[in-house]
Amino acid sequence: MHVRVVAYSEEWVSRFQQEVELLRPIFGDNLVEIYHIGSTSVQGLQAKPIIDIMPVVADIARVDECNAALQALGYEGMGEFGIPGRRYFRKGGDDRTHQIHAFQLGSPNVERHLAFRDYMRAHPDVAERYGILKAELAQQFPEDIYGYMDGKDAFIKAVEQEALLWHRARQP
């Protein structure tokens, strides 16, 4: 997979919203909420131009019933794909456009993703550092998605811990 990091685009919000309109009927009454996560959800953040979508569902096992409908939209089902309790789908092959990370309500992964996103939105200086790191890694590893991801790992883990503390301190 070619690694390409680009400047933030306002188009990413509308691309998310358009995809949500297609996904809501597929998940049906199992859908609790659906969130835009990942770097494309943070205004001003450089990112790979891939829209990350996180449906939160009442029953994760029922997501498996959606595989054929999601495939008809161009998604490839990958199962848990390394994260227990997740259902992961990707669209676009090597020129990926969207990724779905479905979790069951109450999964700690829901809080983790939302805390990281909201922390980045509230701390533009951290988001800027993250964007610079991603752009440098994309130049260093233009054809190596694993090298790119490994290069981000320490930064993400450190910020994620800060983000969870920040998020929990803001809860009523």
N, C-alpha and C. Protein backbone atom coordinates (compact mmCIF):
# COMPACT_ATOMS: atom_id res chain seq x y z
N MET A 1 0.84 -1.19 0.00
CA MET A 1 0.00 0.00 0.00
C MET A 1 0.88 1.24 0.00
N HIS A 2 0.60 2.15 -0.92
CA HIS A 2 1.33 3.42 -0.99
C HIS A 2 0.88 4.32 0.16
N VAL A 3 1.83 4.89 0.87
CA VAL A 3 1.54 5.76 2.01
C VAL A 3 1.63 7.20 1.54
N ARG A 4 0.50 7.91 1.65
CA ARG A 4 0.43 9.30 1.20
C ARG A 4 -0.28 10.11 2.27
N VAL A 5 0.40 11.13 2.79
CA VAL A 5 -0.18 12.05 3.77
C VAL A 5 -0.37 13.39 3.08
N VAL A 6 -1.58 13.93 3.21
CA VAL A 6 -1.92 15.18 2.52
C VAL A 6 -2.46 16.20 3.53
N ALA A 7 -2.55 17.45 3.08
CA ALA A 7 -3.12 18.51 3.92
C ALA A 7 -4.59 18.21 4.20
N TYR A 8 -5.08 18.71 5.32
CA TYR A 8 -6.48 18.53 5.71
C TYR A 8 -7.40 19.04 4.60
N SER A 9 -8.50 18.33 4.42
CA SER A 9 -9.50 18.74 3.43
C SER A 9 -10.89 18.80 4.08
N GLU A 10 -11.59 19.91 3.89
CA GLU A 10 -12.97 20.03 4.38
C GLU A 10 -13.87 18.97 3.75
N GLU A 11 -13.48 18.47 2.60
CA GLU A 11 -14.25 17.44 1.89
C GLU A 11 -14.40 16.16 2.73
N TRP A 12 -13.47 15.92 3.64
CA TRP A 12 -13.51 14.69 4.43
C TRP A 12 -14.77 14.61 5.28
N VAL A 13 -15.25 15.74 5.77
CA VAL A 13 -16.48 15.74 6.58
C VAL A 13 -17.67 15.31 5.73
N SER A 14 -17.78 15.84 4.53
CA SER A 14 -18.92 15.48 3.68
C SER A 14 -18.79 14.03 3.19
N ARG A 15 -17.57 13.57 2.94
CA ARG A 15 -17.38 12.17 2.55
C ARG A 15 -17.83 11.24 3.67
N PHE A 16 -17.54 11.61 4.91
CA PHE A 16 -18.00 10.84 6.06
C PHE A 16 -19.53 10.83 6.10
N GLN A 17 -20.12 12.01 6.02
CA GLN A 17 -21.58 12.11 6.11
C GLN A 17 -22.29 11.34 4.99
N GLN A 18 -21.74 11.40 3.79
CA GLN A 18 -22.33 10.65 2.67
C GLN A 18 -22.28 9.14 2.94
N GLU A 19 -21.18 8.68 3.47
CA GLU A 19 -21.04 7.25 3.75
C GLU A 19 -21.97 6.81 4.87
N VAL A 20 -22.15 7.67 5.87
CA VAL A 20 -23.06 7.36 6.98
C VAL A 20 -24.47 7.12 6.45
N GLU A 21 -24.90 7.92 5.49
CA GLU A 21 -26.24 7.75 4.92
C GLU A 21 -26.40 6.37 4.28
N LEU A 22 -25.32 5.84 3.73
CA LEU A 22 -25.37 4.50 3.14
C LEU A 22 -25.29 3.41 4.20
N LEU A 23 -24.60 3.69 5.29
CA LEU A 23 -24.36 2.67 6.31
C LEU A 23 -25.50 2.51 7.32
N ARG A 24 -26.16 3.60 7.67
CA ARG A 24 -27.23 3.52 8.68
C ARG A 24 -28.25 2.42 8.39
N PRO A 25 -28.79 2.36 7.17
CA PRO A 25 -29.78 1.31 6.92
C PRO A 25 -29.20 -0.11 7.00
N ILE A 26 -27.92 -0.25 6.70
CA ILE A 26 -27.30 -1.58 6.76
C ILE A 26 -27.21 -2.07 8.20
N PHE A 27 -26.79 -1.20 9.11
CA PHE A 27 -26.67 -1.59 10.52
C PHE A 27 -28.03 -1.61 11.22
N GLY A 28 -28.97 -0.85 10.70
CA GLY A 28 -30.35 -0.88 11.19
C GLY A 28 -30.48 -0.60 12.68
N ASP A 29 -31.36 -1.36 13.33
CA ASP A 29 -31.66 -1.11 14.74
C ASP A 29 -30.54 -1.56 15.68
N ASN A 30 -29.52 -2.19 15.14
CA ASN A 30 -28.35 -2.56 15.95
C ASN A 30 -27.43 -1.36 16.18
N LEU A 31 -27.56 -0.33 15.35
CA LEU A 31 -26.68 0.84 15.42
C LEU A 31 -27.10 1.74 16.58
N VAL A 32 -26.15 2.01 17.46
CA VAL A 32 -26.37 2.93 18.58
C VAL A 32 -25.95 4.35 18.16
N GLU A 33 -24.76 4.45 17.57
CA GLU A 33 -24.21 5.74 17.12
C GLU A 33 -23.14 5.43 16.08
N ILE A 34 -22.80 6.44 15.30
CA ILE A 34 -21.74 6.28 14.31
C ILE A 34 -20.89 7.55 14.34
N TYR A 35 -19.57 7.35 14.45
CA TYR A 35 -18.64 8.46 14.65
C TYR A 35 -17.60 8.54 13.54
N HIS A 36 -17.18 9.76 13.25
CA HIS A 36 -16.02 10.01 12.39
C HIS A 36 -14.82 10.05 13.33
N ILE A 37 -13.88 9.14 13.12
CA ILE A 37 -12.68 9.08 13.97
C ILE A 37 -11.45 9.18 13.08
N GLY A 38 -10.30 9.06 13.70
CA GLY A 38 -9.05 9.09 12.95
C GLY A 38 -8.67 10.50 12.54
N SER A 39 -7.58 10.59 11.85
CA SER A 39 -7.00 11.89 11.51
C SER A 39 -7.89 12.74 10.63
N THR A 40 -8.69 12.13 9.75
CA THR A 40 -9.55 12.94 8.88
C THR A 40 -10.68 13.60 9.65
N SER A 41 -10.85 13.23 10.92
CA SER A 41 -11.91 13.84 11.75
C SER A 41 -11.40 15.03 12.55
N VAL A 42 -10.12 15.37 12.40
CA VAL A 42 -9.52 16.46 13.17
C VAL A 42 -9.18 17.60 12.21
N GLN A 43 -9.93 18.68 12.32
CA GLN A 43 -9.73 19.81 11.41
C GLN A 43 -8.29 20.30 11.46
N GLY A 44 -7.70 20.46 10.28
CA GLY A 44 -6.35 20.99 10.16
C GLY A 44 -5.25 19.94 10.20
N LEU A 45 -5.58 18.70 10.55
CA LEU A 45 -4.56 17.66 10.70
C LEU A 45 -4.23 17.02 9.36
N GLN A 46 -2.94 16.96 9.04
CA GLN A 46 -2.51 16.22 7.86
C GLN A 46 -2.87 14.76 8.05
N ALA A 47 -3.22 14.08 6.96
CA ALA A 47 -3.65 12.70 7.11
C ALA A 47 -3.54 11.93 5.81
N LYS A 48 -3.55 10.61 5.94
CA LYS A 48 -3.82 9.78 4.78
C LYS A 48 -5.29 10.05 4.46
N PRO A 49 -5.65 10.24 3.20
CA PRO A 49 -7.04 10.61 2.87
C PRO A 49 -8.00 9.42 2.91
N ILE A 50 -8.07 8.78 4.08
CA ILE A 50 -8.93 7.62 4.30
C ILE A 50 -9.89 7.97 5.44
N ILE A 51 -11.17 7.86 5.19
CA ILE A 51 -12.18 8.21 6.18
C ILE A 51 -12.39 7.02 7.13
N ASP A 52 -12.11 7.23 8.41
CA ASP A 52 -12.32 6.21 9.44
C ASP A 52 -13.68 6.42 10.07
N ILE A 53 -14.47 5.36 10.06
CA ILE A 53 -15.85 5.39 10.55
C ILE A 53 -15.98 4.38 11.68
N MET A 54 -16.56 4.80 12.81
CA MET A 54 -16.73 3.89 13.93
C MET A 54 -18.21 3.75 14.29
N PRO A 55 -18.86 2.70 13.77
CA PRO A 55 -20.20 2.40 14.24
C PRO A 55 -20.12 1.74 15.62
N VAL A 56 -20.95 2.21 16.53
CA VAL A 56 -21.08 1.58 17.85
C VAL A 56 -22.42 0.85 17.80
N VAL A 57 -22.38 -0.44 18.09
CA VAL A 57 -23.56 -1.28 17.94
C VAL A 57 -23.96 -1.92 19.26
N ALA A 58 -25.22 -2.35 19.34
CA ALA A 58 -25.71 -3.03 20.54
C ALA A 58 -25.13 -4.44 20.65
N ASP A 59 -24.97 -5.12 19.51
CA ASP A 59 -24.49 -6.51 19.50
C ASP A 59 -23.48 -6.68 18.37
N ILE A 60 -22.21 -6.84 18.71
CA ILE A 60 -21.16 -6.93 17.70
C ILE A 60 -21.34 -8.16 16.81
N ALA A 61 -21.89 -9.24 17.32
CA ALA A 61 -22.08 -10.45 16.52
C ALA A 61 -23.04 -10.20 15.36
N ARG A 62 -23.99 -9.31 15.55
CA ARG A 62 -24.95 -9.00 14.48
C ARG A 62 -24.32 -8.24 13.31
N VAL A 63 -23.16 -7.66 13.53
CA VAL A 63 -22.46 -6.97 12.44
C VAL A 63 -22.09 -7.96 11.35
N ASP A 64 -21.80 -9.21 11.73
CA ASP A 64 -21.45 -10.22 10.75
C ASP A 64 -22.57 -10.45 9.74
N GLU A 65 -23.81 -10.19 10.14
CA GLU A 65 -24.95 -10.32 9.24
C GLU A 65 -24.95 -9.23 8.15
N CYS A 66 -24.14 -8.20 8.33
CA CYS A 66 -24.09 -7.07 7.40
C CYS A 66 -23.03 -7.25 6.32
N ASN A 67 -22.26 -8.33 6.38
CA ASN A 67 -21.12 -8.49 5.46
C ASN A 67 -21.52 -8.37 3.99
N ALA A 68 -22.58 -9.04 3.58
CA ALA A 68 -22.97 -9.01 2.16
C ALA A 68 -23.38 -7.60 1.73
N ALA A 69 -24.14 -6.91 2.56
CA ALA A 69 -24.57 -5.54 2.22
C ALA A 69 -23.38 -4.59 2.16
N LEU A 70 -22.44 -4.76 3.07
CA LEU A 70 -21.24 -3.92 3.05
C LEU A 70 -20.37 -4.25 1.84
N GLN A 71 -20.31 -5.51 1.48
CA GLN A 71 -19.55 -5.91 0.30
C GLN A 71 -20.16 -5.28 -0.96
N ALA A 72 -21.48 -5.19 -0.99
CA ALA A 72 -22.15 -4.56 -2.13
C ALA A 72 -21.79 -3.08 -2.26
N LEU A 73 -21.41 -2.45 -1.15
CA LEU A 73 -20.95 -1.05 -1.18
C LEU A 73 -19.46 -0.92 -1.48
N GLY A 74 -18.79 -2.07 -1.63
CA GLY A 74 -17.37 -2.04 -1.96
C GLY A 74 -16.45 -2.33 -0.79
N TYR A 75 -17.00 -2.70 0.35
CA TYR A 75 -16.18 -2.99 1.53
C TYR A 75 -15.73 -4.44 1.55
N GLU A 76 -14.52 -4.63 2.02
CA GLU A 76 -13.96 -5.96 2.23
C GLU A 76 -13.97 -6.22 3.74
N GLY A 77 -14.65 -7.29 4.16
CA GLY A 77 -14.70 -7.64 5.57
C GLY A 77 -13.43 -8.34 6.00
N MET A 78 -12.85 -7.87 7.11
CA MET A 78 -11.58 -8.41 7.60
C MET A 78 -11.71 -9.05 8.98
N GLY A 79 -12.94 -9.17 9.50
CA GLY A 79 -13.13 -9.73 10.84
C GLY A 79 -12.58 -8.79 11.90
N GLU A 80 -12.01 -9.37 12.94
CA GLU A 80 -11.46 -8.55 14.04
C GLU A 80 -10.18 -7.84 13.62
N PHE A 81 -9.43 -8.41 12.72
CA PHE A 81 -8.20 -7.85 12.16
C PHE A 81 -7.27 -7.31 13.26
N GLY A 82 -6.99 -8.17 14.24
CA GLY A 82 -6.01 -7.86 15.27
C GLY A 82 -6.53 -7.17 16.51
N ILE A 83 -7.80 -6.80 16.54
CA ILE A 83 -8.35 -6.15 17.74
C ILE A 83 -9.59 -6.94 18.16
N PRO A 84 -9.46 -7.71 19.24
CA PRO A 84 -10.61 -8.51 19.70
C PRO A 84 -11.84 -7.65 19.93
N GLY A 85 -12.98 -8.15 19.45
CA GLY A 85 -14.24 -7.44 19.64
C GLY A 85 -14.55 -6.41 18.57
N ARG A 86 -13.65 -6.24 17.61
CA ARG A 86 -13.87 -5.28 16.53
C ARG A 86 -14.32 -6.04 15.29
N ARG A 87 -15.06 -5.34 14.42
CA ARG A 87 -15.30 -5.80 13.06
C ARG A 87 -14.75 -4.70 12.16
N TYR A 88 -13.79 -5.08 11.31
CA TYR A 88 -13.08 -4.13 10.47
C TYR A 88 -13.41 -4.39 9.00
N PHE A 89 -13.69 -3.31 8.29
CA PHE A 89 -13.98 -3.36 6.86
C PHE A 89 -13.18 -2.25 6.19
N ARG A 90 -12.70 -2.55 4.98
CA ARG A 90 -11.97 -1.52 4.25
C ARG A 90 -12.50 -1.44 2.82
N LYS A 91 -12.43 -0.25 2.27
CA LYS A 91 -12.99 0.02 0.95
C LYS A 91 -11.92 0.67 0.08
N GLY A 92 -11.78 0.17 -1.14
CA GLY A 92 -10.86 0.81 -2.09
C GLY A 92 -9.57 0.06 -2.34
N GLY A 93 -9.37 -1.09 -1.72
CA GLY A 93 -8.15 -1.85 -1.94
C GLY A 93 -6.90 -1.07 -1.56
N ASP A 94 -5.89 -1.09 -2.45
CA ASP A 94 -4.64 -0.36 -2.16
C ASP A 94 -4.82 1.14 -2.22
N ASP A 95 -5.89 1.60 -2.86
CA ASP A 95 -6.23 3.03 -2.88
C ASP A 95 -7.41 3.25 -1.95
N ARG A 96 -7.24 2.82 -0.71
CA ARG A 96 -8.31 2.83 0.27
C ARG A 96 -8.92 4.21 0.43
N THR A 97 -10.26 4.22 0.54
CA THR A 97 -10.99 5.47 0.73
C THR A 97 -11.68 5.54 2.09
N HIS A 98 -12.12 4.39 2.60
CA HIS A 98 -12.86 4.34 3.86
C HIS A 98 -12.46 3.10 4.65
N GLN A 99 -12.58 3.20 5.96
CA GLN A 99 -12.38 2.07 6.86
C GLN A 99 -13.47 2.12 7.91
N ILE A 100 -14.03 0.97 8.23
CA ILE A 100 -15.04 0.86 9.28
C ILE A 100 -14.43 0.06 10.43
N HIS A 101 -14.55 0.62 11.62
CA HIS A 101 -14.10 -0.04 12.84
C HIS A 101 -15.34 -0.14 13.74
N ALA A 102 -16.05 -1.26 13.68
CA ALA A 102 -17.28 -1.41 14.47
C ALA A 102 -16.95 -2.03 15.83
N PHE A 103 -17.54 -1.46 16.88
CA PHE A 103 -17.37 -1.96 18.23
C PHE A 103 -18.73 -2.02 18.92
N GLN A 104 -18.82 -2.90 19.89
CA GLN A 104 -20.03 -3.00 20.69
C GLN A 104 -20.03 -1.91 21.76
N LEU A 105 -21.21 -1.39 22.04
CA LEU A 105 -21.38 -0.39 23.10
C LEU A 105 -20.74 -0.91 24.38
N GLY A 106 -19.94 -0.08 25.03
CA GLY A 106 -19.25 -0.46 26.25
C GLY A 106 -17.83 -0.93 26.03
N SER A 107 -17.43 -1.13 24.79
CA SER A 107 -16.05 -1.53 24.50
C SER A 107 -15.11 -0.39 24.89
N PRO A 108 -14.00 -0.71 25.56
CA PRO A 108 -13.03 0.35 25.88
C PRO A 108 -12.44 0.99 24.63
N ASN A 109 -12.51 0.32 23.50
CA ASN A 109 -12.00 0.90 22.26
C ASN A 109 -12.81 2.10 21.79
N VAL A 110 -14.09 2.13 22.15
CA VAL A 110 -14.92 3.29 21.80
C VAL A 110 -14.38 4.52 22.53
N GLU A 111 -14.19 4.40 23.84
CA GLU A 111 -13.66 5.53 24.61
C GLU A 111 -12.28 5.93 24.11
N ARG A 112 -11.44 4.96 23.83
CA ARG A 112 -10.07 5.22 23.38
C ARG A 112 -10.07 6.05 22.09
N HIS A 113 -10.86 5.63 21.12
CA HIS A 113 -10.90 6.36 19.85
C HIS A 113 -11.48 7.76 20.01
N LEU A 114 -12.56 7.89 20.76
CA LEU A 114 -13.18 9.20 20.92
C LEU A 114 -12.31 10.13 21.75
N ALA A 115 -11.66 9.60 22.78
CA ALA A 115 -10.77 10.43 23.61
C ALA A 115 -9.62 10.97 22.77
N PHE A 116 -9.01 10.11 21.96
CA PHE A 116 -7.89 10.53 21.12
C PHE A 116 -8.34 11.61 20.13
N ARG A 117 -9.47 11.36 19.47
CA ARG A 117 -10.00 12.34 18.50
C ARG A 117 -10.28 13.68 19.17
N ASP A 118 -11.00 13.65 20.29
CA ASP A 118 -11.39 14.88 20.96
C ASP A 118 -10.19 15.62 21.55
N TYR A 119 -9.20 14.87 22.02
CA TYR A 119 -7.98 15.48 22.55
C TYR A 119 -7.24 16.21 21.43
N MET A 120 -7.13 15.57 20.28
CA MET A 120 -6.48 16.20 19.13
C MET A 120 -7.22 17.46 18.71
N ARG A 121 -8.54 17.41 18.72
CA ARG A 121 -9.33 18.58 18.34
C ARG A 121 -9.12 19.72 19.32
N ALA A 122 -8.95 19.41 20.60
CA ALA A 122 -8.81 20.43 21.64
C ALA A 122 -7.37 20.90 21.82
N HIS A 123 -6.43 20.19 21.25
CA HIS A 123 -5.00 20.51 21.40
C HIS A 123 -4.34 20.59 20.03
N PRO A 124 -4.55 21.70 19.31
CA PRO A 124 -4.02 21.82 17.95
C PRO A 124 -2.49 21.72 17.89
N ASP A 125 -1.80 22.08 18.97
CA ASP A 125 -0.34 21.95 18.96
C ASP A 125 0.08 20.49 18.90
N VAL A 126 -0.63 19.62 19.61
CA VAL A 126 -0.34 18.19 19.57
C VAL A 126 -0.71 17.63 18.20
N ALA A 127 -1.84 18.06 17.67
CA ALA A 127 -2.26 17.62 16.34
C ALA A 127 -1.23 18.03 15.28
N GLU A 128 -0.70 19.23 15.42
CA GLU A 128 0.31 19.69 14.46
C GLU A 128 1.56 18.82 14.53
N ARG A 129 2.01 18.50 15.75
CA ARG A 129 3.19 17.62 15.90
C ARG A 129 2.92 16.25 15.28
N TYR A 130 1.70 15.75 15.49
CA TYR A 130 1.33 14.46 14.93
C TYR A 130 1.33 14.51 13.40
N GLY A 131 0.79 15.56 12.84
CA GLY A 131 0.76 15.71 11.40
C GLY A 131 2.16 15.78 10.80
N ILE A 132 3.04 16.50 11.46
CA ILE A 132 4.43 16.59 10.98
C ILE A 132 5.09 15.21 11.02
N LEU A 133 4.88 14.49 12.12
CA LEU A 133 5.44 13.15 12.24
C LEU A 133 4.92 12.26 11.11
N LYS A 134 3.62 12.30 10.86
CA LYS A 134 3.03 11.46 9.82
C LYS A 134 3.58 11.81 8.44
N ALA A 135 3.74 13.09 8.15
CA ALA A 135 4.28 13.50 6.86
C ALA A 135 5.72 13.02 6.69
N GLU A 136 6.51 13.13 7.76
CA GLU A 136 7.90 12.66 7.71
C GLU A 136 7.96 11.15 7.50
N LEU A 137 7.09 10.42 8.20
CA LEU A 137 7.07 8.96 8.08
C LEU A 137 6.61 8.54 6.69
N ALA A 138 5.66 9.26 6.11
CA ALA A 138 5.19 8.94 4.76
C ALA A 138 6.31 9.12 3.74
N GLN A 139 7.16 10.12 3.96
CA GLN A 139 8.30 10.32 3.06
C GLN A 139 9.34 9.22 3.26
N GLN A 140 9.51 8.81 4.51
CA GLN A 140 10.50 7.79 4.84
C GLN A 140 10.06 6.39 4.40
N PHE A 141 8.75 6.13 4.48
CA PHE A 141 8.21 4.79 4.18
C PHE A 141 7.08 4.87 3.14
N PRO A 142 7.34 5.38 1.95
CA PRO A 142 6.25 5.61 0.99
C PRO A 142 5.57 4.33 0.49
N GLU A 143 6.23 3.20 0.60
CA GLU A 143 5.66 1.93 0.14
C GLU A 143 5.60 0.90 1.26
N ASP A 144 5.71 1.35 2.50
CA ASP A 144 5.79 0.43 3.65
C ASP A 144 4.83 0.89 4.73
N ILE A 145 3.57 0.43 4.65
CA ILE A 145 2.56 0.85 5.63
C ILE A 145 2.95 0.40 7.04
N TYR A 146 3.63 -0.73 7.16
CA TYR A 146 4.00 -1.22 8.48
C TYR A 146 5.11 -0.36 9.10
N GLY A 147 6.06 0.08 8.29
CA GLY A 147 7.09 0.99 8.78
C GLY A 147 6.48 2.31 9.21
N TYR A 148 5.53 2.79 8.42
CA TYR A 148 4.81 4.03 8.74
C TYR A 148 4.06 3.88 10.06
N MET A 149 3.32 2.79 10.21
CA MET A 149 2.54 2.58 11.44
C MET A 149 3.45 2.39 12.66
N ASP A 150 4.53 1.64 12.49
CA ASP A 150 5.48 1.45 13.60
C ASP A 150 6.08 2.78 14.04
N GLY A 151 6.34 3.66 13.08
CA GLY A 151 6.91 4.97 13.39
C GLY A 151 5.98 5.86 14.18
N LYS A 152 4.67 5.65 14.06
CA LYS A 152 3.68 6.45 14.79
C LYS A 152 3.36 5.87 16.17
N ASP A 153 3.70 4.62 16.39
CA ASP A 153 3.21 3.87 17.55
C ASP A 153 3.51 4.53 18.89
N ALA A 154 4.76 4.91 19.14
CA ALA A 154 5.12 5.50 20.44
C ALA A 154 4.37 6.82 20.66
N PHE A 155 4.28 7.64 19.62
CA PHE A 155 3.57 8.92 19.75
C PHE A 155 2.10 8.66 20.09
N ILE A 156 1.47 7.76 19.35
CA ILE A 156 0.05 7.47 19.58
C ILE A 156 -0.19 6.95 20.99
N LYS A 157 0.63 6.02 21.44
CA LYS A 157 0.45 5.45 22.78
C LYS A 157 0.59 6.51 23.86
N ALA A 158 1.57 7.39 23.72
CA ALA A 158 1.77 8.44 24.72
C ALA A 158 0.59 9.41 24.73
N VAL A 159 0.18 9.86 23.56
CA VAL A 159 -0.94 10.81 23.48
C VAL A 159 -2.24 10.15 23.91
N GLU A 160 -2.39 8.90 23.57
CA GLU A 160 -3.61 8.19 23.95
C GLU A 160 -3.77 8.15 25.48
N GLN A 161 -2.68 7.93 26.19
CA GLN A 161 -2.75 7.92 27.66
C GLN A 161 -3.15 9.30 28.19
N GLU A 162 -2.53 10.34 27.66
CA GLU A 162 -2.90 11.71 28.04
C GLU A 162 -4.36 11.98 27.71
N ALA A 163 -4.78 11.54 26.54
CA ALA A 163 -6.14 11.78 26.07
C ALA A 163 -7.17 11.09 26.96
N LEU A 164 -6.89 9.87 27.37
CA LEU A 164 -7.83 9.15 28.24
C LEU A 164 -7.96 9.84 29.60
N LEU A 165 -6.86 10.28 30.16
CA LEU A 165 -6.90 11.01 31.44
C LEU A 165 -7.69 12.31 31.28
N TRP A 166 -7.41 13.04 30.22
CA TRP A 166 -8.10 14.29 29.93
C TRP A 166 -9.58 14.05 29.73
N HIS A 167 -9.92 13.02 28.96
CA HIS A 167 -11.32 12.69 28.67
C HIS A 167 -12.06 12.32 29.95
N ARG A 168 -11.48 11.48 30.77
CA ARG A 168 -12.12 11.03 32.00
C ARG A 168 -12.29 12.17 32.99
N ALA A 169 -11.35 13.09 33.02
CA ALA A 169 -11.45 14.24 33.93
C ALA A 169 -12.59 15.18 33.52
N ARG A 170 -12.99 15.12 32.27
CA ARG A 170 -14.06 15.98 31.76
C ARG A 170 -15.44 15.36 31.92
N GLN A 171 -15.51 14.09 32.32
CA GLN A 171 -16.80 13.40 32.46
C GLN A 171 -17.52 13.88 33.71
N PRO A 172 -18.85 14.02 33.63
CA PRO A 172 -19.61 14.48 34.81
C PRO A 172 -19.64 13.45 35.93
